[in-house]
Protein backbone atom coordinates (compact mmCIF):
# COMPACT_ATOMS: atom_id res chain seq x y z
CA UNK A 1 111.96 101.81 158.88
CA UNK A 2 111.83 98.44 158.37
CA UNK A 3 112.55 97.00 154.87
CA UNK A 4 109.66 94.79 153.46
CA UNK A 5 109.13 93.03 150.26
CA UNK A 6 107.24 95.82 149.31
CA UNK A 7 110.28 98.03 149.39
CA UNK A 8 112.39 95.50 147.52
CA UNK A 9 112.57 95.99 143.47
CA UNK A 10 112.30 92.66 141.85
CA UNK A 11 113.50 91.82 138.38
CA UNK A 12 110.80 90.54 136.19
CA UNK A 13 110.87 86.59 135.90
CA UNK A 14 111.91 84.94 132.93
CA UNK A 15 108.95 83.93 130.69
CA UNK A 16 109.43 80.40 130.08
CA UNK A 17 108.08 77.83 127.84
CA UNK A 18 108.56 74.15 127.96
CA UNK A 19 108.45 71.35 125.31
CA UNK A 20 107.39 67.94 126.54
CA UNK A 21 106.58 66.93 130.19
CA UNK A 22 103.04 66.75 129.98
CA UNK A 23 100.48 64.61 131.41
CA UNK A 24 102.12 61.20 132.72
CA UNK A 25 105.58 62.64 132.29
CA UNK A 26 107.69 62.50 135.47
CA UNK A 27 110.45 64.72 134.33
CA UNK A 28 108.55 67.72 133.33
CA UNK A 29 106.88 68.05 136.82
CA UNK A 30 110.70 67.89 138.16
CA UNK A 31 111.64 70.79 135.79
CA UNK A 32 108.63 72.82 136.77
CA UNK A 33 109.39 72.47 140.59
CA UNK A 34 112.99 73.24 139.92
CA UNK A 35 112.00 76.53 138.00
CA UNK A 36 109.67 77.60 140.85
CA UNK A 37 112.12 77.03 143.64
CA UNK A 38 114.14 80.21 143.07
CA UNK A 39 111.28 82.01 141.56
CA UNK A 40 113.03 83.61 138.74
CA UNK A 41 110.83 81.77 135.98
CA UNK A 42 107.14 82.02 134.93
CA UNK A 43 105.79 79.13 132.70
CA UNK A 44 103.86 80.93 129.96
CA UNK A 45 103.62 78.58 127.08
CA UNK A 46 104.19 74.98 126.15
CA UNK A 47 103.96 71.98 123.68
CA UNK A 48 103.65 69.49 126.48
CA UNK A 49 103.17 66.48 124.20
CA UNK A 50 103.41 65.31 120.58
CA UNK A 51 99.90 64.00 121.17
CA UNK A 52 97.77 67.22 120.20
CA UNK A 53 94.96 66.39 122.65
CA UNK A 54 97.48 65.44 125.57
CA UNK A 55 99.31 68.76 124.71
CA UNK A 56 96.16 70.85 125.12
CA UNK A 57 94.84 68.99 128.12
CA UNK A 58 98.33 69.24 129.78
CA UNK A 59 98.68 73.11 129.41
CA UNK A 60 94.92 73.17 130.70
CA UNK A 61 95.92 71.11 133.96
CA UNK A 62 98.93 73.35 134.47
CA UNK A 63 97.15 76.75 133.77
CA UNK A 64 99.26 77.59 130.77
CA UNK A 65 97.20 79.71 128.33
CA UNK A 66 99.44 79.57 125.50
CA UNK A 67 99.18 76.03 124.53
CA UNK A 68 100.74 74.50 121.21
CA UNK A 69 100.18 71.22 119.61
CA UNK A 70 103.81 71.64 117.67
CA UNK A 71 106.92 72.68 119.01
CA UNK A 72 107.92 74.27 115.72
CA UNK A 73 104.86 76.27 115.59
CA UNK A 74 105.40 77.27 119.24
CA UNK A 75 108.87 78.41 118.30
CA UNK A 76 107.90 80.39 115.37
CA UNK A 77 104.87 82.16 116.93
CA UNK A 78 106.57 82.73 120.43
CA UNK A 79 109.41 84.56 118.71
CA UNK A 80 107.19 86.92 116.80
CA UNK A 81 105.19 87.90 120.12
CA UNK A 82 106.26 91.19 122.10
CA UNK A 83 105.66 88.95 125.30
CA UNK A 84 107.00 85.85 123.77
CA UNK A 85 109.12 83.18 125.64
CA UNK A 86 112.88 84.21 126.55
CA UNK A 87 113.89 80.82 127.20
CA UNK A 88 112.67 77.12 126.77
CA UNK A 89 113.06 73.94 128.77
CA UNK A 90 113.28 70.97 126.71
CA UNK A 91 112.08 68.02 128.75
CA UNK A 92 111.49 65.33 125.83
CA UNK A 93 112.89 62.08 125.03
CA UNK A 94 116.66 62.46 124.40
CA UNK A 95 116.48 62.05 120.30
CA UNK A 96 114.05 64.75 120.13
CA UNK A 97 116.26 67.38 121.85
CA UNK A 98 118.46 68.58 118.86
CA UNK A 99 115.43 69.11 116.55
CA UNK A 100 113.39 70.99 119.22
CA UNK A 101 116.50 72.95 120.27
CA UNK A 102 117.16 74.14 116.61
CA UNK A 103 113.77 75.38 116.29
CA UNK A 104 114.42 77.78 119.27
CA UNK A 105 117.95 78.46 118.76
CA UNK A 106 117.44 79.45 115.23
CA UNK A 107 114.81 82.35 116.32
CA UNK A 108 117.14 83.44 119.18
CA UNK A 109 115.51 81.84 122.10
CA UNK A 110 117.44 80.50 124.81
CA UNK A 111 117.39 76.81 125.41
CA UNK A 112 117.58 74.89 128.61
CA UNK A 113 118.29 71.28 128.02
CA UNK A 114 120.09 69.05 130.58
CA UNK A 115 121.20 66.38 128.20
CA UNK A 116 123.40 66.61 125.13
CA UNK A 117 121.76 68.02 121.97
CA UNK A 118 123.25 65.23 119.69
CA UNK A 119 125.00 61.71 120.29
CA UNK A 120 128.31 62.82 118.42
CA UNK A 121 130.03 65.93 117.61
CA UNK A 122 129.77 64.87 113.91
CA UNK A 123 125.98 65.45 114.06
CA UNK A 124 126.15 68.50 115.90
CA UNK A 125 128.28 70.20 113.44
CA UNK A 126 126.52 72.14 110.64
CA UNK A 127 123.81 72.73 113.11
CA UNK A 128 123.48 76.60 113.70
CA UNK A 129 121.62 78.80 115.94
CA UNK A 130 120.94 82.59 115.52
CA UNK A 131 124.47 83.21 117.02
CA UNK A 132 126.40 80.44 115.27
CA UNK A 133 127.31 76.91 115.27
CA UNK A 134 126.25 74.49 118.06
CA UNK A 135 129.67 72.67 117.55
CA UNK A 136 132.02 75.30 115.91
CA UNK A 137 135.18 73.01 116.03
CA UNK A 138 135.89 69.91 114.21
């Protein structure tokens, strides 16, 4: 008997959210392509722009049903959902990484951010996620 894809158990995809990366944003598309390459993620929610109209239009363009116009609202609402996101990719300008990450970390949602969350160690100290300090050592 040949083993086919139908015979192989597959782990469910990780429910992914994205903040930033909407219309006219180059890096968002790059991150979405990368997330699809290994087929381990499913983009299910996003706040794709700080401009509410662009955020909603971007979600419609991408076929993402759970569209948000505020990353703080997204973090709060997704954390309460039984089928909420398990991780969020932050693809905003660098100065927004820490405020966005903190909203999700304090709710126990994993963060994917390919740049530093803060510019200095001092600015990272005192910032706490659900599991502790981001920069625990002085």
